[in-house]
Amino acid sequence: MSIKLNQLVISLKETGEVVQRPAEDLGFVVLDHHQITFSMAVMQHFAMNNTAVIFCDARHHPASMMMHLETHQTQSRLYQVQAAAGLPLKKKLWKQTIKQKLRNQGGVLDVSGQQGEPLRYLAKKVKSGDSTNCEARGARTYWPSLFGLAFRRQRFGSPPNHMLNYGYAILRAATARALMGSGLLPALGIHHKNKYNAFCLADDIMEPYRPFVDLHVSELHDSGLHADELTIEHKKELLQLLTSDVSISGKTRPLMMALSETTASLSRCFTGEQKKIAYPVL
């Protein structure tokens, strides 16, 4: 990969084919081959355009990502108000997050021909900070209803866990990119806390978006596109999720744009300009 006249140039050595794309139009780049080479100018270009670069490991799973450190004109001020956010505010924001996650999980079950009402009912019971652990209670109903009684949601579990993992990894990168674009620090979460995790806030904010991955994976699985190992076809299909339409604030937006709307609203919650995070509705 190289840069020429603000175009990303991809040269395929085996075939001699050359592909060019406007570098500033790329939101995400997934690098999934150990023989890929690129110039420093490519990475600088990606950084300046807030392009999330995802590196995959030997098992073709996303392993790390590169983000630009300066993506917002008032970044320093927003870091300060984000760091100063008190526990009551964080608990309120986490309550909103889990309520919408449960509602969206109910929407997934409705679309899949299952009963989503129990999850929407549970969403009404969520308290500040989800002190009664409604999220986990909902999961015990959600996963068996979506993938069958034998399914267990585990990182290294049986299929379609591998497709869920890949979809979540891409969603996590997209969320981290949107957070940085809104001037927020992905490491400072409102609920998740781990000194080894640089993306705690991304893990928080992506929760109501996870059901969109779940529905996509369920549809792929039901259509017969499933295997013990991830294929190129799986990855192509899962990457399409970022450009799929979702409903947010009464408008239809591509999921990638909806994430930016969500993170911008979170920024305003930290500054006191707004009380609710804008999340998509499934």
Protein backbone atom coordinates (compact mmCIF):
# COMPACT_ATOMS: atom_id res chain seq x y z
CA MET A 1 0.00 0.00 0.00
CA SER A 2 1.20 3.49 -0.80
CA ILE A 3 -0.14 7.04 -1.13
CA LYS A 4 -0.18 8.99 -4.37
CA LEU A 5 -2.02 12.31 -4.84
CA ASN A 6 -4.13 11.65 -1.72
CA GLN A 7 -5.18 8.28 -3.12
CA LEU A 8 -4.55 4.97 -1.37
CA VAL A 9 -2.82 2.78 -3.94
CA ILE A 10 -3.07 -0.99 -3.44
CA SER A 11 -0.71 -2.99 -5.65
CA LEU A 12 -1.27 -6.75 -5.86
CA LYS A 13 2.12 -8.30 -6.61
CA GLU A 14 0.81 -11.69 -7.77
CA THR A 15 -1.53 -10.31 -10.44
CA GLY A 16 -0.08 -6.85 -11.07
CA GLU A 17 -3.51 -5.33 -10.43
CA VAL A 18 -3.56 -1.80 -9.00
CA VAL A 19 -6.55 -0.39 -7.10
CA GLN A 20 -6.92 3.24 -6.00
CA ARG A 21 -9.32 4.74 -3.47
CA PRO A 22 -9.62 8.27 -1.99
CA ALA A 23 -7.77 7.96 1.32
CA GLU A 24 -9.95 10.55 3.08
CA ASP A 25 -13.11 8.49 2.38
CA LEU A 26 -11.91 5.43 4.30
CA GLY A 27 -13.34 4.98 7.79
CA PHE A 28 -11.83 1.53 8.41
CA VAL A 29 -9.01 -0.55 6.99
CA VAL A 30 -8.61 -4.20 8.03
CA LEU A 31 -5.15 -5.69 7.41
CA ASP A 32 -5.38 -9.48 7.34
CA HIS A 33 -2.27 -10.93 5.67
CA HIS A 34 1.27 -11.25 7.01
CA GLN A 35 2.84 -10.15 3.69
CA ILE A 36 1.09 -6.78 3.46
CA THR A 37 3.58 -3.92 3.26
CA PHE A 38 2.92 -0.21 3.53
CA SER A 39 4.82 3.07 3.65
CA MET A 40 4.90 5.39 6.66
CA ALA A 41 3.01 7.94 4.57
CA VAL A 42 0.05 5.54 4.41
CA MET A 43 -0.23 5.36 8.20
CA GLN A 44 0.21 9.12 8.54
CA HIS A 45 -2.60 9.64 6.04
CA PHE A 46 -4.88 7.24 7.90
CA ALA A 47 -4.12 8.99 11.19
CA MET A 48 -4.84 12.48 9.84
CA ASN A 49 -8.19 11.31 8.42
CA ASN A 50 -9.19 9.44 11.62
CA THR A 51 -9.19 6.11 9.79
CA ALA A 52 -9.31 3.13 12.15
CA VAL A 53 -6.64 0.63 11.09
CA ILE A 54 -7.29 -2.91 12.37
CA PHE A 55 -4.52 -5.54 12.40
CA CYS A 56 -5.49 -9.23 12.41
CA ASP A 57 -3.55 -12.09 14.01
CA ALA A 58 -2.53 -15.48 12.61
CA ARG A 59 -6.07 -16.78 13.19
CA HIS A 60 -7.44 -13.86 11.09
CA HIS A 61 -9.12 -12.29 14.11
CA PRO A 62 -8.77 -8.56 14.88
CA ALA A 63 -5.90 -8.22 17.35
CA SER A 64 -5.06 -4.51 17.58
CA MET A 65 -5.95 -1.14 16.12
CA MET A 66 -4.36 2.22 15.39
CA MET A 67 -6.13 5.48 16.21
CA HIS A 68 -5.27 9.14 15.74
CA LEU A 69 -4.42 10.91 19.03
CA GLU A 70 -5.77 14.35 18.06
CA THR A 71 -9.19 14.28 16.44
CA HIS A 72 -11.17 17.08 18.10
CA GLN A 73 -10.54 20.82 18.48
CA THR A 74 -11.53 20.92 22.16
CA GLN A 75 -10.07 17.56 23.07
CA SER A 76 -8.17 18.67 26.18
CA ARG A 77 -11.25 20.30 27.74
CA LEU A 78 -13.40 17.26 27.01
CA TYR A 79 -10.79 14.94 28.54
CA GLN A 80 -10.97 17.03 31.70
CA VAL A 81 -14.77 16.96 32.04
CA GLN A 82 -14.82 13.27 31.15
CA ALA A 83 -12.25 12.47 33.84
CA ALA A 84 -14.13 14.62 36.37
CA ALA A 85 -17.49 12.91 35.77
CA GLY A 86 -18.93 11.75 39.09
CA LEU A 87 -20.26 8.30 39.95
CA PRO A 88 -23.96 9.37 39.96
CA LEU A 89 -23.67 10.60 36.36
CA LYS A 90 -21.87 7.43 35.26
CA LYS A 91 -24.54 5.27 36.89
CA LYS A 92 -27.31 7.20 35.12
CA LEU A 93 -25.55 6.83 31.77
CA TRP A 94 -24.99 3.10 32.35
CA LYS A 95 -28.69 2.69 33.20
CA GLN A 96 -29.63 4.30 29.88
CA THR A 97 -27.13 2.07 28.08
CA ILE A 98 -28.41 -1.21 29.51
CA LYS A 99 -32.07 -0.23 29.06
CA GLN A 100 -31.49 0.36 25.35
CA LYS A 101 -29.41 -2.81 24.99
CA LEU A 102 -32.27 -4.88 26.44
CA ARG A 103 -34.82 -3.12 24.23
CA ASN A 104 -32.72 -3.80 21.15
CA GLN A 105 -32.24 -7.43 22.16
CA GLY A 106 -36.03 -7.65 22.37
CA GLY A 107 -36.18 -6.22 18.86
CA VAL A 108 -33.78 -8.92 17.63
CA LEU A 109 -36.00 -11.64 19.06
CA ASP A 110 -39.09 -10.06 17.46
CA VAL A 111 -37.44 -10.04 14.04
CA SER A 112 -36.29 -13.64 14.59
CA GLY A 113 -39.81 -14.82 15.33
CA GLN A 114 -39.27 -15.12 19.08
CA GLN A 115 -40.82 -13.28 22.02
CA GLY A 116 -39.03 -9.99 22.66
CA GLU A 117 -41.50 -8.59 25.18
CA PRO A 118 -39.84 -10.20 28.27
CA LEU A 119 -36.65 -8.27 27.53
CA ARG A 120 -38.49 -5.00 27.03
CA TYR A 121 -40.28 -5.61 30.33
CA LEU A 122 -36.91 -6.25 32.00
CA ALA A 123 -35.60 -2.99 30.50
CA LYS A 124 -38.23 -1.12 32.52
CA LYS A 125 -36.77 -2.63 35.71
CA VAL A 126 -33.19 -1.40 35.19
CA LYS A 127 -32.01 0.75 38.09
CA SER A 128 -29.17 3.24 38.38
CA GLY A 129 -25.90 1.51 37.55
CA ASP A 130 -27.89 -1.66 36.75
CA SER A 131 -27.55 -2.58 40.42
CA THR A 132 -29.92 -5.56 40.04
CA ASN A 133 -27.90 -6.94 37.10
CA CYS A 134 -30.72 -6.89 34.55
CA GLU A 135 -28.14 -7.20 31.76
CA ALA A 136 -27.08 -10.68 32.88
CA ARG A 137 -30.67 -11.73 33.60
CA GLY A 138 -31.64 -10.71 30.09
CA ALA A 139 -28.77 -12.70 28.59
CA ARG A 140 -30.11 -15.90 30.14
CA THR A 141 -33.30 -15.43 28.12
CA TYR A 142 -31.80 -13.84 25.03
CA TRP A 143 -29.11 -16.27 23.85
CA PRO A 144 -31.12 -19.54 24.10
CA SER A 145 -34.04 -17.83 22.33
CA LEU A 146 -31.81 -16.61 19.50
CA PHE A 147 -29.50 -19.59 18.89
CA GLY A 148 -31.13 -22.51 20.72
CA LEU A 149 -30.96 -24.03 24.18
CA ALA A 150 -27.56 -25.66 23.54
CA PHE A 151 -25.84 -22.37 22.65
CA ARG A 152 -23.41 -20.78 25.12
CA ARG A 153 -22.06 -17.29 24.50
CA GLN A 154 -18.32 -17.79 25.00
CA ARG A 155 -15.29 -16.18 23.41
CA PHE A 156 -13.84 -19.53 22.36
CA GLY A 157 -17.16 -21.34 22.16
CA SER A 158 -18.75 -23.23 19.29
CA PRO A 159 -20.11 -21.46 16.18
CA PRO A 160 -21.53 -18.93 15.66
CA ASN A 161 -19.41 -17.51 18.51
CA HIS A 162 -16.56 -16.90 16.08
CA MET A 163 -18.78 -14.70 13.88
CA LEU A 164 -20.06 -12.80 16.92
CA ASN A 165 -16.47 -12.23 18.08
CA TYR A 166 -15.43 -10.85 14.70
CA GLY A 167 -18.47 -8.61 14.43
CA TYR A 168 -17.96 -7.27 17.96
CA ALA A 169 -14.28 -6.57 17.27
CA ILE A 170 -15.15 -4.49 14.21
CA LEU A 171 -17.92 -2.73 16.16
CA ARG A 172 -15.48 -2.00 19.00
CA ALA A 173 -13.01 -0.40 16.61
CA ALA A 174 -15.80 1.67 15.04
CA THR A 175 -16.96 2.82 18.49
CA ALA A 176 -13.44 3.78 19.57
CA ARG A 177 -13.01 5.75 16.34
CA ALA A 178 -16.29 7.60 16.92
CA LEU A 179 -15.36 8.38 20.55
CA MET A 180 -12.05 9.91 19.54
CA GLY A 181 -13.77 11.84 16.78
CA SER A 182 -16.03 13.33 19.48
CA GLY A 183 -13.04 14.32 21.61
CA LEU A 184 -13.42 11.58 24.24
CA LEU A 185 -10.84 9.22 25.68
CA PRO A 186 -11.82 5.56 25.05
CA ALA A 187 -9.86 4.37 28.09
CA LEU A 188 -12.09 6.15 30.64
CA GLY A 189 -15.24 4.06 30.91
CA ILE A 190 -18.53 4.78 32.62
CA HIS A 191 -18.85 1.17 33.80
CA HIS A 192 -16.06 -1.04 32.48
CA LYS A 193 -12.86 -0.68 34.50
CA ASN A 194 -9.65 -2.50 33.67
CA LYS A 195 -6.16 -1.04 33.88
CA TYR A 196 -5.11 -3.26 30.97
CA ASN A 197 -7.99 -2.14 28.71
CA ALA A 198 -7.43 0.98 26.61
CA PHE A 199 -11.02 0.90 25.29
CA CYS A 200 -13.26 0.69 28.37
CA LEU A 201 -15.57 3.46 27.16
CA ALA A 202 -15.87 1.81 23.74
CA ASP A 203 -16.90 -1.41 25.49
CA ASP A 204 -19.56 0.57 27.38
CA ILE A 205 -21.03 2.52 24.48
CA MET A 206 -21.11 -0.35 22.00
CA GLU A 207 -23.49 -2.39 24.22
CA PRO A 208 -26.78 -1.19 22.60
CA TYR A 209 -25.16 -1.76 19.19
CA ARG A 210 -24.27 -5.40 19.88
CA PRO A 211 -27.80 -6.61 19.01
CA PHE A 212 -27.29 -5.33 15.45
CA VAL A 213 -24.31 -7.70 15.18
CA ASP A 214 -26.34 -10.50 16.77
CA LEU A 215 -29.17 -10.11 14.27
CA HIS A 216 -26.75 -10.02 11.34
CA VAL A 217 -24.99 -13.16 12.55
CA SER A 218 -28.32 -14.90 13.18
CA GLU A 219 -29.45 -14.17 9.64
CA LEU A 220 -26.14 -15.42 8.21
CA HIS A 221 -26.36 -18.55 10.33
CA ASP A 222 -29.96 -19.24 9.33
CA SER A 223 -29.12 -18.74 5.64
CA GLY A 224 -26.58 -21.56 5.80
CA LEU A 225 -23.48 -19.35 5.74
CA HIS A 226 -21.78 -20.99 8.71
CA ALA A 227 -18.61 -23.02 9.27
CA ASP A 228 -16.18 -23.92 12.02
CA GLU A 229 -13.71 -21.29 10.79
CA LEU A 230 -14.26 -17.72 9.62
CA THR A 231 -14.13 -17.40 5.85
CA ILE A 232 -13.57 -14.40 3.59
CA GLU A 233 -17.29 -14.50 2.84
CA HIS A 234 -18.10 -14.25 6.56
CA LYS A 235 -15.84 -11.23 6.95
CA LYS A 236 -17.24 -9.46 3.90
CA GLU A 237 -20.76 -9.91 5.20
CA LEU A 238 -19.91 -8.77 8.73
CA LEU A 239 -18.08 -5.68 7.51
CA GLN A 240 -21.23 -4.64 5.64
CA LEU A 241 -22.84 -4.06 9.03
CA LEU A 242 -21.03 -0.73 9.43
CA THR A 243 -22.87 0.74 6.44
CA SER A 244 -26.27 -0.81 7.21
CA ASP A 245 -29.10 1.58 8.11
CA VAL A 246 -30.26 2.03 11.70
CA SER A 247 -32.87 4.29 13.28
CA ILE A 248 -31.57 6.90 15.72
CA SER A 249 -33.28 10.05 17.03
CA GLY A 250 -36.13 9.53 14.57
CA LYS A 251 -33.75 9.45 11.58
CA THR A 252 -32.25 6.71 9.45
CA ARG A 253 -28.45 6.67 9.44
CA PRO A 254 -25.70 4.22 8.45
CA LEU A 255 -24.53 2.50 11.64
CA MET A 256 -21.11 4.14 11.37
CA MET A 257 -22.74 7.60 11.33
CA ALA A 258 -25.11 6.64 14.15
CA LEU A 259 -22.08 5.83 16.32
CA SER A 260 -20.79 9.36 15.79
CA GLU A 261 -24.19 10.74 16.81
CA THR A 262 -24.13 8.56 19.94
CA THR A 263 -20.63 9.62 20.97
CA ALA A 264 -21.37 13.30 20.28
CA SER A 265 -24.40 13.07 22.58
CA LEU A 266 -22.26 11.37 25.24
CA SER A 267 -19.81 14.25 25.01
CA ARG A 268 -22.66 16.67 25.68
CA CYS A 269 -23.76 14.57 28.65
CA PHE A 270 -20.30 14.99 30.17
CA THR A 271 -20.38 18.77 29.64
CA GLY A 272 -23.89 19.04 31.10
CA GLU A 273 -25.52 20.18 27.86
CA GLN A 274 -27.62 17.01 27.56
CA LYS A 275 -29.00 14.35 29.91
CA LYS A 276 -29.53 11.37 27.61
CA ILE A 277 -27.28 9.46 25.24
CA ALA A 278 -28.70 9.06 21.72
CA TYR A 279 -28.82 5.33 20.97
CA PRO A 280 -30.26 3.50 17.95
CA VAL A 281 -33.55 1.63 18.13
CA LEU A 282 -33.87 -1.83 16.64
